[in-house]
Protein backbone atom coordinates (compact mmCIF):
# COMPACT_ATOMS: atom_id res chain seq x y z
CA MET A 1 124.51 -146.22 -68.46
CA ARG A 2 123.68 -142.80 -66.94
CA LYS A 3 125.10 -139.53 -66.73
CA ARG A 4 127.76 -139.51 -63.67
CA GLY A 5 125.79 -137.36 -61.51
CA THR A 6 122.56 -139.29 -61.80
CA ILE A 7 124.62 -142.50 -60.95
CA LEU A 8 126.36 -140.84 -57.99
CA LEU A 9 123.02 -139.45 -56.83
CA VAL A 10 121.09 -142.53 -57.16
CA LEU A 11 123.75 -144.68 -55.67
CA THR A 12 123.87 -142.45 -52.62
CA MET A 13 120.22 -142.78 -52.39
CA ILE A 14 120.01 -146.60 -52.44
CA ALA A 15 122.92 -146.48 -49.76
CA THR A 16 121.09 -144.40 -47.50
CA MET A 17 118.02 -146.80 -48.05
CA LEU A 18 120.11 -149.83 -47.29
CA ALA A 19 121.44 -148.28 -44.10
CA ALA A 20 117.93 -147.81 -42.88
CA CYS A 21 117.04 -151.33 -43.87
CA SER A 22 120.02 -152.49 -42.09
CA GLY A 23 119.05 -150.81 -39.03
CA ASN A 24 115.63 -152.18 -38.82
CA LYS A 25 115.99 -155.10 -36.30
CA GLU A 26 112.83 -156.86 -37.81
CA ASN A 27 114.13 -156.77 -41.53
CA GLY A 28 117.70 -156.25 -41.18
CA LYS A 29 118.81 -159.79 -41.47
CA ALA A 30 116.86 -161.86 -44.22
CA SER A 31 118.24 -165.37 -43.29
CA GLU A 32 117.21 -165.15 -40.09
CA SER A 33 113.90 -163.26 -40.16
CA SER A 34 112.67 -164.55 -43.32
CA SER A 35 110.87 -167.65 -42.11
CA ALA A 36 108.99 -165.97 -39.33
CA GLN A 37 108.08 -163.07 -41.51
CA GLY A 38 106.67 -165.13 -44.35
CA GLY A 39 104.94 -167.50 -41.90
CA SER A 40 103.36 -164.95 -39.72
CA GLN A 41 102.24 -162.68 -42.53
CA THR A 42 100.77 -165.86 -44.26
CA ALA A 43 98.97 -166.77 -41.29
CA SER A 44 97.60 -163.53 -40.33
CA ALA A 45 96.45 -162.62 -43.93
CA SER A 46 94.88 -165.92 -44.59
CA ALA A 47 92.85 -167.00 -41.59
CA GLY A 48 89.34 -166.43 -42.46
CA SER A 49 89.96 -163.49 -45.21
CA LYS A 50 89.39 -165.40 -48.42
CA GLU A 51 86.73 -163.19 -49.06
CA GLU A 52 88.61 -159.91 -48.28
CA THR A 53 89.36 -157.59 -51.12
CA ALA A 54 93.18 -157.66 -51.74
CA LYS A 55 94.61 -154.15 -51.81
CA PHE A 56 98.09 -153.16 -52.80
CA SER A 57 100.22 -150.67 -54.86
CA TYR A 58 101.66 -151.89 -58.27
CA VAL A 59 104.27 -149.93 -60.24
CA ARG A 60 105.48 -151.58 -63.56
CA PRO A 61 106.70 -150.48 -66.95
CA VAL A 62 104.81 -150.63 -70.36
CA TRP A 63 106.51 -151.31 -73.45
CA GLY A 64 104.15 -148.94 -75.53
CA ALA A 65 102.87 -145.35 -74.75
CA ALA A 66 101.67 -144.90 -71.34
CA THR A 67 98.05 -144.11 -72.03
CA TYR A 68 96.66 -146.05 -69.03
CA THR A 69 93.71 -144.29 -67.11
CA LYS A 70 92.54 -145.43 -63.94
CA GLY A 71 88.83 -146.39 -63.70
CA GLY A 72 88.35 -147.81 -67.16
CA ALA A 73 85.89 -150.54 -67.75
CA TYR A 74 88.48 -153.45 -68.20
CA GLU A 75 89.72 -152.39 -64.97
CA LYS A 76 86.65 -152.50 -63.19
CA GLU A 77 85.58 -155.79 -64.46
CA MET A 78 89.18 -157.42 -63.59
CA PHE A 79 88.79 -156.05 -60.13
CA GLU A 80 85.46 -157.40 -59.73
CA LYS A 81 86.32 -160.85 -60.99
CA ALA A 82 89.59 -161.03 -59.07
CA ASN A 83 88.25 -159.41 -56.01
CA ALA A 84 91.00 -156.81 -55.86
CA LYS A 85 91.69 -153.17 -55.83
CA ILE A 86 94.94 -152.32 -57.04
CA ASP A 87 96.46 -148.96 -57.22
CA VAL A 88 98.56 -148.93 -60.60
CA GLN A 89 101.08 -146.83 -61.54
CA ILE A 90 102.86 -146.92 -64.95
CA ILE A 91 106.17 -145.92 -66.44
CA PRO A 92 107.25 -145.96 -69.95
CA VAL A 93 109.99 -148.92 -70.22
CA THR A 94 112.40 -146.51 -71.61
CA GLU A 95 112.41 -144.28 -68.42
CA TYR A 96 111.51 -147.34 -66.02
CA ASP A 97 115.00 -148.18 -64.38
CA GLN A 98 115.87 -144.49 -63.37
CA LYS A 99 112.46 -143.68 -62.13
CA ILE A 100 111.95 -146.81 -60.05
CA MET A 101 115.21 -146.47 -58.47
CA THR A 102 114.33 -142.86 -57.43
CA VAL A 103 110.97 -144.21 -56.08
CA ILE A 104 112.98 -146.71 -53.94
CA ALA A 105 115.53 -144.50 -52.62
CA SER A 106 112.80 -142.42 -51.37
CA GLY A 107 112.10 -145.24 -48.75
CA ASP A 108 108.65 -145.47 -50.04
CA ILE A 109 108.72 -148.85 -51.76
CA PRO A 110 105.56 -149.89 -53.60
CA ASP A 111 103.95 -153.13 -52.33
CA VAL A 112 104.70 -154.71 -55.86
CA PHE A 113 106.94 -153.41 -58.23
CA TRP A 114 108.78 -154.56 -61.01
CA ALA A 115 112.81 -154.93 -61.42
CA ALA A 116 115.48 -156.73 -63.05
CA GLY A 117 115.98 -159.24 -60.26
CA PRO A 118 119.00 -160.47 -58.37
CA THR A 119 120.97 -160.51 -61.47
CA ASP A 120 121.48 -156.81 -60.78
CA LYS A 121 123.91 -156.32 -58.17
CA LYS A 122 121.88 -153.40 -56.47
CA PHE A 123 118.58 -155.55 -56.17
CA LYS A 124 120.44 -158.45 -55.08
CA ASP A 125 121.97 -156.06 -52.30
CA MET A 126 118.53 -154.84 -51.36
CA GLN A 127 117.31 -158.38 -51.37
CA ASP A 128 120.09 -159.34 -49.04
CA GLN A 129 119.47 -156.36 -46.68
CA GLY A 130 115.82 -157.58 -46.25
CA ALA A 131 113.90 -154.95 -48.28
CA PHE A 132 111.91 -157.71 -50.16
CA LEU A 133 109.58 -160.49 -49.02
CA ARG A 134 111.00 -164.06 -49.00
CA ILE A 135 108.18 -166.00 -51.13
CA ASN A 136 109.17 -169.57 -50.56
CA GLU A 137 105.96 -170.15 -48.50
CA TYR A 138 103.71 -168.56 -51.00
CA LEU A 139 104.88 -170.57 -53.82
CA ASP A 140 104.15 -173.79 -51.73
CA LYS A 141 100.72 -172.48 -50.88
CA TYR A 142 99.90 -171.32 -54.73
CA PRO A 143 101.23 -173.98 -56.96
CA ALA A 144 100.07 -172.72 -59.86
CA ILE A 145 102.76 -169.65 -59.62
CA LYS A 146 105.34 -171.89 -58.79
CA GLU A 147 104.36 -174.13 -62.02
CA ALA A 148 104.38 -171.20 -64.37
CA VAL A 149 108.30 -170.95 -64.09
CA PRO A 150 110.40 -173.59 -64.89
CA GLN A 151 112.33 -174.94 -62.24
CA SER A 152 115.61 -174.15 -63.73
CA VAL A 153 114.71 -170.60 -63.48
CA TRP A 154 113.85 -170.92 -59.87
CA ASP A 155 117.02 -172.69 -59.36
CA THR A 156 118.75 -169.62 -60.66
CA LEU A 157 117.01 -167.14 -58.32
CA THR A 158 117.36 -169.02 -55.18
CA ASP A 159 120.30 -167.75 -52.97
CA ASP A 160 122.72 -169.68 -51.45
CA LYS A 161 120.30 -170.06 -48.04
CA GLY A 162 117.60 -171.43 -50.23
CA ASN A 163 115.60 -168.47 -50.15
CA ILE A 164 113.76 -166.83 -53.20
CA TYR A 165 112.51 -163.31 -53.35
CA PHE A 166 111.74 -162.57 -56.99
CA ILE A 167 109.04 -163.70 -59.45
CA PRO A 168 110.37 -163.58 -62.64
CA ASN A 169 108.18 -162.61 -65.81
CA VAL A 170 109.28 -165.66 -67.89
CA SER A 171 109.31 -165.25 -71.64
CA ASN A 172 110.10 -167.01 -74.74
CA PRO A 173 113.66 -165.92 -75.17
CA LEU A 174 113.25 -166.69 -79.05
CA ILE A 175 111.90 -163.35 -80.37
CA PRO A 176 113.26 -162.32 -83.77
CA ILE A 177 113.31 -158.86 -84.79
CA PHE A 178 111.81 -158.46 -88.52
CA MET A 179 112.54 -156.35 -91.22
CA TYR A 180 109.13 -155.83 -92.99
CA TYR A 181 109.22 -154.54 -96.33
CA ARG A 182 106.83 -152.89 -99.01
CA GLN A 183 106.74 -155.72 -101.45
CA ASP A 184 104.53 -154.02 -103.95
CA ILE A 185 107.34 -151.16 -104.16
CA PHE A 186 110.06 -153.64 -104.69
CA GLU A 187 108.28 -155.36 -107.31
CA LYS A 188 107.35 -152.17 -109.24
CA LEU A 189 111.23 -151.27 -109.26
CA GLY A 190 112.17 -154.45 -110.25
CA ILE A 191 114.10 -155.13 -106.84
CA PRO A 192 114.48 -158.69 -106.18
CA GLU A 193 113.98 -159.95 -102.25
CA PRO A 194 117.58 -159.00 -100.73
CA LYS A 195 119.49 -161.96 -99.49
CA THR A 196 122.42 -160.24 -98.39
CA VAL A 197 123.29 -156.91 -96.62
CA LYS A 198 124.94 -155.43 -99.61
CA GLU A 199 121.65 -156.45 -101.71
CA LEU A 200 119.60 -154.62 -99.09
CA GLU A 201 121.49 -151.49 -99.40
CA ASP A 202 121.65 -151.48 -103.01
CA ALA A 203 117.63 -151.88 -102.80
CA LEU A 204 117.57 -148.98 -100.41
CA ALA A 205 119.46 -146.73 -102.84
CA LYS A 206 117.22 -147.76 -105.66
CA ILE A 207 114.33 -146.71 -103.55
CA LYS A 208 115.62 -143.58 -102.56
CA GLN A 209 116.44 -142.61 -106.08
CA SER A 210 112.98 -143.30 -107.39
CA ASP A 211 111.18 -141.44 -104.70
CA ALA A 212 112.98 -138.62 -102.60
CA LYS A 213 110.04 -138.43 -100.28
CA MET A 214 110.05 -142.23 -99.38
CA ILE A 215 112.21 -143.24 -96.27
CA PRO A 216 114.24 -146.19 -97.48
CA LEU A 217 114.83 -147.80 -93.97
CA THR A 218 113.35 -146.88 -90.56
CA ALA A 219 113.42 -149.02 -87.24
CA GLN A 220 111.97 -149.22 -83.81
CA ASP A 221 112.55 -146.54 -81.25
CA THR A 222 116.01 -148.12 -80.14
CA ILE A 223 118.87 -149.88 -81.71
CA TRP A 224 116.93 -153.04 -81.02
CA GLY A 225 114.78 -152.22 -83.81
CA LEU A 226 117.48 -153.26 -86.53
CA GLY A 227 118.25 -156.43 -84.32
CA ALA A 228 118.12 -158.49 -87.63
CA LEU A 229 120.52 -156.60 -89.40
CA SER A 230 123.07 -156.60 -86.33
CA THR A 231 123.15 -160.49 -86.42
CA SER A 232 124.45 -160.18 -90.10
CA PHE A 233 127.63 -158.77 -88.68
CA GLY A 234 128.06 -161.76 -86.56
CA PHE A 235 128.17 -160.68 -82.91
CA THR A 236 125.92 -160.46 -79.57
CA HIS A 237 124.31 -157.10 -79.44
CA PHE A 238 123.59 -155.93 -75.72
CA GLY A 239 125.48 -158.81 -74.33
CA TRP A 240 128.64 -160.66 -73.79
CA GLY A 241 129.90 -163.06 -76.71
CA PRO A 242 133.12 -164.39 -78.09
CA ALA A 243 135.97 -162.28 -78.32
CA THR A 244 136.69 -161.57 -82.21
CA GLY A 245 138.31 -164.71 -83.76
CA GLU A 246 137.21 -167.02 -80.98
CA ASP A 247 135.40 -170.09 -81.47
CA LYS A 248 131.65 -169.08 -81.42
CA GLU A 249 130.65 -172.56 -79.91
CA ASN A 250 133.10 -172.76 -77.10
CA PRO A 251 135.19 -169.62 -76.59
CA ASN A 252 138.19 -169.15 -74.19
CA THR A 253 137.37 -165.52 -73.79
CA ILE A 254 133.99 -163.64 -74.16
CA VAL A 255 133.68 -159.71 -73.95
CA PRO A 256 131.07 -157.03 -73.86
CA PHE A 257 129.58 -156.53 -77.42
CA TYR A 258 131.21 -152.98 -77.67
CA LEU A 259 134.82 -154.51 -77.48
CA THR A 260 134.37 -156.59 -80.70
CA LYS A 261 135.40 -155.65 -84.14
CA GLU A 262 132.16 -156.62 -85.67
CA MET A 263 129.88 -154.32 -83.59
CA LYS A 264 132.44 -151.35 -84.49
CA GLU A 265 131.84 -152.32 -88.01
CA TYR A 266 128.11 -152.55 -87.72
CA TYR A 267 127.96 -148.97 -86.01
CA PHE A 268 129.80 -147.59 -88.57
CA TYR A 269 127.70 -149.29 -91.28
CA LEU A 270 124.71 -147.81 -90.19
CA LYS A 271 126.48 -144.36 -89.83
CA ASP A 272 127.14 -144.57 -93.64
CA LEU A 273 123.83 -145.85 -94.40
CA ARG A 274 122.50 -142.71 -92.71
CA ALA A 275 124.98 -140.38 -94.17
CA LYS A 276 123.63 -141.49 -97.57
CA GLY A 277 120.21 -140.96 -96.85
CA LEU A 278 119.10 -144.32 -96.63
CA LEU A 279 118.57 -144.56 -92.93
CA ASP A 280 115.61 -142.52 -91.11
CA LYS A 281 117.23 -139.38 -89.85
CA GLU A 282 115.18 -139.40 -86.87
CA PHE A 283 116.51 -143.20 -86.03
CA LEU A 284 117.81 -142.92 -82.57
CA MET A 285 116.53 -139.37 -82.17
CA ALA A 286 112.66 -139.40 -82.32
CA LYS A 287 110.87 -138.85 -78.99
CA ASN A 288 107.87 -140.80 -79.99
CA TRP A 289 108.27 -144.44 -79.12
CA ASP A 290 106.46 -145.83 -82.16
CA HIS A 291 107.47 -143.18 -84.61
CA ALA A 292 109.04 -145.72 -87.23
CA LYS A 293 105.86 -148.00 -86.79
CA GLN A 294 103.56 -144.99 -87.91
CA LYS A 295 105.73 -144.17 -90.69
CA PHE A 296 105.74 -147.53 -92.16
CA THR A 297 101.93 -148.27 -91.60
CA SER A 298 101.18 -144.72 -93.13
CA GLY A 299 103.26 -145.19 -96.30
CA GLN A 300 106.18 -143.05 -95.64
CA ALA A 301 108.56 -145.83 -95.45
CA ALA A 302 109.82 -148.97 -97.45
CA VAL A 303 111.32 -150.91 -94.86
CA LEU A 304 110.84 -151.28 -91.15
CA GLY A 305 112.94 -153.03 -88.56
CA ILE A 306 110.58 -153.88 -85.40
CA ASN A 307 109.76 -156.73 -83.09
CA TRP A 308 108.10 -159.56 -84.89
CA GLY A 309 105.14 -159.41 -82.75
CA TYR A 310 103.65 -156.49 -84.14
CA GLY A 311 102.89 -158.09 -87.37
CA PRO A 312 99.29 -158.39 -87.00
CA GLU A 313 98.95 -154.35 -86.34
CA ILE A 314 101.45 -153.56 -89.05
CA TYR A 315 99.47 -155.68 -91.62
CA SER A 316 96.02 -154.55 -90.82
CA THR A 317 96.69 -150.79 -90.45
CA LEU A 318 98.78 -150.37 -93.47
CA LYS A 319 96.19 -152.41 -95.35
CA LYS A 320 93.71 -149.68 -94.41
CA THR A 321 95.79 -146.53 -95.37
CA HIS A 322 97.09 -148.21 -98.27
CA PRO A 323 94.96 -151.23 -99.58
CA GLU A 324 97.20 -151.67 -102.54
CA ALA A 325 100.23 -152.44 -100.34
CA LYS A 326 102.04 -155.64 -100.15
CA ILE A 327 104.16 -156.51 -97.33
CA GLY A 328 107.22 -159.08 -97.06
CA VAL A 329 109.42 -160.08 -94.45
CA LEU A 330 113.08 -160.27 -95.17
CA PRO A 331 114.79 -163.43 -94.67
CA PRO A 332 117.84 -163.43 -92.41
CA LEU A 333 120.86 -161.76 -94.48
CA GLU A 334 124.23 -162.62 -95.20
CA GLY A 335 126.71 -160.04 -93.66
CA PRO A 336 129.87 -158.49 -95.11
CA ASP A 337 132.06 -161.01 -93.70
CA GLY A 338 129.78 -164.17 -94.51
CA ALA A 339 128.19 -164.19 -90.99
CA MET A 340 124.36 -165.65 -91.42
CA GLY A 341 121.89 -163.35 -89.84
CA GLY A 342 119.53 -164.90 -87.66
CA ILE A 343 118.24 -164.01 -83.85
CA ARG A 344 119.79 -162.47 -80.73
CA PRO A 345 117.75 -164.42 -78.10
CA PHE A 346 116.55 -162.61 -75.03
CA GLY A 347 116.97 -164.06 -71.58
CA ALA A 348 114.49 -166.74 -70.10
CA TRP A 349 112.72 -163.73 -68.33
CA ASP A 350 112.39 -159.98 -68.84
CA ARG A 351 112.19 -158.64 -65.42
CA GLY A 352 109.89 -159.75 -62.88
CA MET A 353 108.38 -158.89 -59.32
CA TYR A 354 109.52 -158.06 -55.83
CA VAL A 355 107.11 -157.80 -52.98
CA ASN A 356 107.75 -155.21 -50.51
CA ALA A 357 108.80 -156.79 -47.30
CA LYS A 358 106.45 -154.71 -45.26
CA MET A 359 103.66 -155.05 -47.38
CA SER A 360 100.39 -155.41 -45.04
CA ASP A 361 98.66 -158.09 -46.84
CA PRO A 362 101.04 -159.95 -49.18
CA ASP A 363 98.53 -162.94 -49.26
CA GLY A 364 96.16 -160.55 -51.11
CA PHE A 365 98.43 -160.23 -53.67
CA PHE A 366 99.49 -163.77 -54.12
CA ARG A 367 95.79 -164.71 -54.31
CA VAL A 368 95.27 -162.04 -57.18
CA LEU A 369 98.39 -163.46 -58.91
CA ASN A 370 96.93 -167.27 -58.47
CA TRP A 371 93.61 -166.29 -59.87
CA THR A 372 95.30 -165.05 -62.97
CA LEU A 373 96.85 -168.30 -63.60
CA THR A 374 93.78 -170.46 -62.73
CA GLU A 375 90.10 -169.37 -62.58
CA GLY A 376 91.12 -165.98 -64.37
CA SER A 377 93.23 -167.56 -66.85
CA ASP A 378 90.71 -166.95 -69.86
CA PHE A 379 90.13 -163.55 -68.60
CA ARG A 380 93.91 -162.83 -68.66
CA ARG A 381 94.36 -164.33 -72.01
CA TYR A 382 91.41 -163.19 -73.91
CA GLY A 383 89.64 -160.49 -71.79
CA VAL A 384 86.08 -159.64 -72.53
CA GLU A 385 84.00 -161.18 -75.22
CA GLY A 386 82.84 -158.53 -77.73
CA LYS A 387 85.32 -156.11 -76.29
CA THR A 388 88.75 -157.86 -76.84
CA TYR A 389 87.74 -161.01 -78.71
CA ASN A 390 84.85 -162.74 -80.55
CA VAL A 391 83.97 -166.42 -80.52
CA VAL A 392 84.28 -167.72 -84.23
CA ASP A 393 83.83 -171.38 -84.89
CA GLY A 394 84.03 -172.07 -81.48
CA LYS A 395 87.42 -170.39 -81.14
CA LYS A 396 88.13 -167.08 -79.14
CA VAL A 397 89.77 -164.87 -81.87
CA LEU A 398 91.42 -161.60 -80.46
CA LEU A 399 90.30 -158.37 -81.93
CA GLY A 400 92.80 -155.98 -83.61
CA GLU A 401 93.78 -152.89 -81.73
CA ASP A 402 91.80 -150.71 -84.06
CA GLU A 403 88.42 -152.65 -83.69
CA LYS A 404 88.70 -152.24 -79.55
CA GLU A 405 86.86 -149.39 -77.75
CA ALA A 406 89.35 -147.16 -75.85
CA ASP A 407 88.79 -148.84 -72.58
CA TYR A 408 89.85 -152.17 -73.88
CA LYS A 409 92.96 -151.17 -75.95
CA THR A 410 96.32 -152.38 -75.26
CA GLY A 411 97.07 -149.19 -73.09
CA GLN A 412 94.32 -150.16 -70.72
CA ILE A 413 95.16 -153.84 -70.45
CA GLU A 414 98.94 -153.98 -70.33
CA PRO A 415 99.58 -152.50 -67.13
CA LEU A 416 97.36 -154.80 -65.35
CA LYS A 417 98.97 -157.76 -66.35
CA PHE A 418 101.33 -159.93 -64.23
CA LEU A 419 102.69 -162.98 -65.57
CA GLN A 420 102.26 -165.42 -68.54
CA PRO A 421 103.39 -168.96 -68.00
CA MET A 422 106.36 -170.21 -69.53
CA SER A 423 103.92 -172.89 -71.11
CA GLU A 424 102.10 -169.96 -73.07
CA ALA A 425 105.24 -167.98 -74.07
CA LEU A 426 104.95 -169.38 -77.70
CA ASP A 427 101.42 -170.50 -78.29
CA TRP A 428 100.82 -170.68 -81.98
CA ASP A 429 97.27 -170.95 -82.19
CA THR A 430 97.03 -167.66 -80.21
CA ILE A 431 99.18 -166.09 -82.24
CA GLU A 432 97.25 -167.65 -85.43
CA ALA A 433 94.02 -166.30 -83.86
CA THR A 434 95.77 -162.52 -83.41
CA TYR A 435 96.49 -162.56 -87.14
CA GLU A 436 92.78 -163.75 -87.82
CA GLY A 437 91.47 -161.34 -85.55
CA SER A 438 93.11 -158.52 -87.40
CA GLY A 439 91.82 -159.72 -90.67
CA VAL A 440 95.33 -160.57 -91.95
CA GLY A 441 95.13 -164.25 -91.43
CA ASP A 442 96.77 -165.01 -94.85
CA ALA A 443 100.07 -163.27 -93.48
CA PHE A 444 100.46 -165.98 -90.53
CA ALA A 445 101.99 -168.78 -92.51
CA ASP A 446 104.79 -166.77 -93.77
CA ALA A 447 105.53 -165.06 -90.40
CA LYS A 448 106.00 -168.53 -88.89
CA ALA A 449 108.12 -169.67 -91.56
CA LYS A 450 110.44 -166.57 -91.22
CA PHE A 451 110.42 -167.09 -87.41
CA GLU A 452 112.08 -170.75 -87.79
CA ALA A 453 114.39 -169.20 -90.38
CA TYR A 454 115.62 -166.38 -87.98
CA ASN A 455 115.94 -168.84 -84.86
CA ALA A 456 118.04 -171.33 -86.93
CA VAL A 457 121.10 -169.01 -86.38
CA GLN A 458 121.28 -167.55 -82.87
CA TYR A 459 123.71 -165.10 -81.29
CA PRO A 460 122.84 -165.59 -77.83
CA GLU A 461 124.10 -163.94 -74.32
CA TYR A 462 126.99 -166.03 -73.28
CA ARG A 463 127.70 -164.45 -70.04
CA ASN A 464 126.26 -166.01 -66.68
CA PRO A 465 123.88 -163.17 -65.23
CA THR A 466 124.77 -164.33 -61.48
CA VAL A 467 128.48 -163.64 -62.29
CA PHE A 468 129.54 -160.31 -60.91
CA SER A 469 132.93 -158.81 -61.26
CA PRO A 470 134.20 -157.00 -58.16
CA LEU A 471 135.45 -154.28 -60.21
CA GLU A 472 132.41 -153.79 -62.47
CA VAL A 473 129.94 -153.79 -59.53
CA GLU A 474 132.27 -151.02 -58.03
CA GLN A 475 133.43 -148.95 -60.99
CA GLY A 476 131.91 -150.49 -64.07
CA ALA A 477 128.96 -147.88 -64.86
CA GLN A 478 131.44 -144.90 -64.07
CA LEU A 479 134.01 -146.43 -66.49
CA TYR A 480 131.67 -146.86 -69.20
CA THR A 481 130.20 -143.27 -68.72
CA ASP A 482 133.67 -141.85 -68.38
CA TYR A 483 135.06 -143.63 -71.44
CA LEU A 484 132.71 -145.22 -73.76
CA GLN A 485 129.18 -143.83 -73.48
CA SER A 486 129.55 -140.60 -75.82
CA VAL A 487 131.36 -142.43 -78.62
CA ILE A 488 128.92 -145.63 -78.33
CA ASP A 489 125.66 -143.36 -78.15
CA GLY A 490 127.10 -140.92 -81.06
CA ALA A 491 128.92 -143.23 -83.62
CA ILE A 492 125.47 -143.56 -85.63
CA ILE A 493 124.00 -139.97 -85.34
CA ASN A 494 126.90 -137.75 -84.62
CA ASP A 495 129.20 -136.81 -87.73
CA LYS A 496 132.14 -136.10 -85.22
CA VAL A 497 132.68 -139.73 -83.84
CA THR A 498 135.27 -141.14 -86.23
CA GLU A 499 136.44 -144.80 -86.20
CA GLN A 500 139.90 -143.36 -84.56
CA GLU A 501 137.86 -141.58 -81.97
CA TRP A 502 136.08 -145.04 -81.29
CA ASP A 503 139.33 -146.74 -81.02
CA THR A 504 141.03 -144.31 -78.75
CA ALA A 505 138.16 -144.36 -76.39
CA ILE A 506 138.20 -148.33 -76.01
CA ASP A 507 141.77 -148.11 -75.44
CA LYS A 508 141.54 -145.60 -72.62
CA TYR A 509 138.53 -147.57 -71.18
CA LEU A 510 140.63 -150.90 -71.17
CA LYS A 511 143.62 -149.28 -69.57
CA ALA A 512 141.00 -147.49 -66.98
CA GLY A 513 140.00 -150.82 -65.82
CA GLY A 514 137.84 -152.13 -68.63
CA GLN A 515 140.20 -154.89 -69.31
CA LYS A 516 140.39 -156.02 -65.56
CA ILE A 517 136.71 -156.51 -65.60
CA VAL A 518 136.91 -158.69 -68.80
CA ASP A 519 139.48 -160.68 -66.92
CA GLU A 520 137.63 -160.96 -63.52
CA VAL A 521 134.38 -162.25 -65.53
CA ASN A 522 136.64 -164.72 -67.55
CA GLU A 523 138.15 -166.12 -64.35
CA LEU A 524 135.07 -166.38 -62.38
CA GLN A 525 132.72 -167.83 -65.36
CA LYS A 526 134.11 -171.28 -66.00
CA ASN A 527 131.62 -172.38 -68.52
CA LYS A 528 131.65 -170.20 -71.34
CA THR A 529 129.97 -172.31 -74.09
CA LYS A 530 127.21 -171.00 -76.31
CA PRO A 531 123.90 -171.23 -74.77
CA LYS A 532 121.35 -173.46 -76.35
CA TYR A 533 117.65 -172.22 -76.53
C-alpha cells in the first residue's frame, strides 16, 4: 500500500494513458483488433526472418541486489546462442511495482515487461483497453511455451472473449520458509531443538543471556522471512483466509489477514520479542536486502528465518567463515493456541510478462522465449560449463555462488531469465546437485525432509484472484492507507503502537467501508473451500 499522494499520482497517470489507448483506433478495442493485430504482426515478422536477430527491450524485477551490468560474458554468450539483442533494465523487487507503474504511466511501455497480470485490476483494465498484445496465435505457433504452463492456469488467464494477453511465470507454490539455527550453539548451551513457539522463545532468551553480542533471531528483509513462525499462529499471512472461529476447511466467511485475531496476536508477539532484545533490532528497518543472511553466515546471529532456497549458500558460506559451525533446520512449531506450523503456499505463478501491443517484432521475442524452452533449455538451466556448472560422473553439478566469476554470478544471470516450466518447478535432482555443487551435499537429506514436514500443514490463499470487489477496486487502497497502514507497518517496530490503537484502527476501517469490501468478496466468491496444493 502506498502513500495517498503517490497512489493518486500514479492512478491519474494511468487514467491518462488509458484514455490515450482508448482513443487509438488501431488498439482501442482489444476484442475487435486482436486477431488482425496478432495475425498481421506474426505474418510480417516471421516471413523469411528466422535468421534475423531478435531485438527488444525487457524490464523485470530481481529478487536479490540489483548488481546486473550490461555487456557481461554470460550475456554475450546467451545473445549469440539465442540470436538476440535484448535491452535489459532491472529493478529490485521491493521497488518494482511502483516504478513499473510510473514507467507505464509515462506512455513509454517497454516491449516486454513483468507484471502481476490480470488478477490486478489496473493491469486487467489496461489489457482490456488494448495496451498489451493478444498472444493466442503465438502460443499455437510455439507449443513449448504453451506446454510450459498448466492448462488450468491458461484457463484462469483467458478472458470472456477467449483472449490471452499474459504469460505467467509459473512456480511451485510450495515454498517453505525455513528457520536455520546454529546447532552447535544450542548444543553447547544444552538447548534441545525447539518444538513449540514457547520453547523457541526460551532458547532465544538463553542465547541472549550467554552472549550479549549474539543476535538471537533475525530474518529476511520483510515479514516473509518469519513465514514459518507466522503459520504457528494459524492464519493466512498476506492473504484472505477463514475469519476467526470459522471452519478452516470450508469457511462461510473469509477475511483479509489483518482482520483476524491470530494475525494481531502474531504481530504483537514479535513486538514483544523485539522489546526483549530477542529479535534483530534491524528487522523490517534495514535497507540492505540480505542483511539478515549476512549476519547469520558471518556468525552474528543464532537463528535465521529465510526462504528455504538459500540453503546451499547459507551452509557453504557459514562453513567458510566458521568451520566449526553446525546448522540445523527447526521443524514446524506448535503455536500458543495449538495451531501447527507449516507453510503459507504462494500462488501458481509469481508475476509474469506482458508484451506491448505496439512492439515492432513480437515474433522475435517469442522465438527467443521458445529457444529457452527447447534448444536453449540446458543453457537456461545450467549455464556455461566450467563457469556455472561442472560435469561430475556424467551429471551437471551447479557451482556455488562463491565459486563463480563475477560475470557468471546470479546477479548477471537472473536478469536474463524468462520462464521456468512447471515441470521443473520442483526438481529434486537439480536441487540436490545445487547442494552438492556448493560442497554441502550432506545437508540435502535434512532439507528435503523438513520441506515435506512443513508442507504437511498449509495455510493457503482462499480468495479467488479474479474476484474483484467493486468498492475495493475504487477505494480499497485508500481505505487501507488512511486507516490501517500506520498501525500495521508500525505494530512490530513502533513502541507507540498499542493493541488498543490497533483495535481502534480496525474498527474505523470497517465502518469506513472495509466491512462492505469483505461482504462484497464473500457474496461474489461462492466457493470458499480450502485450496489444495
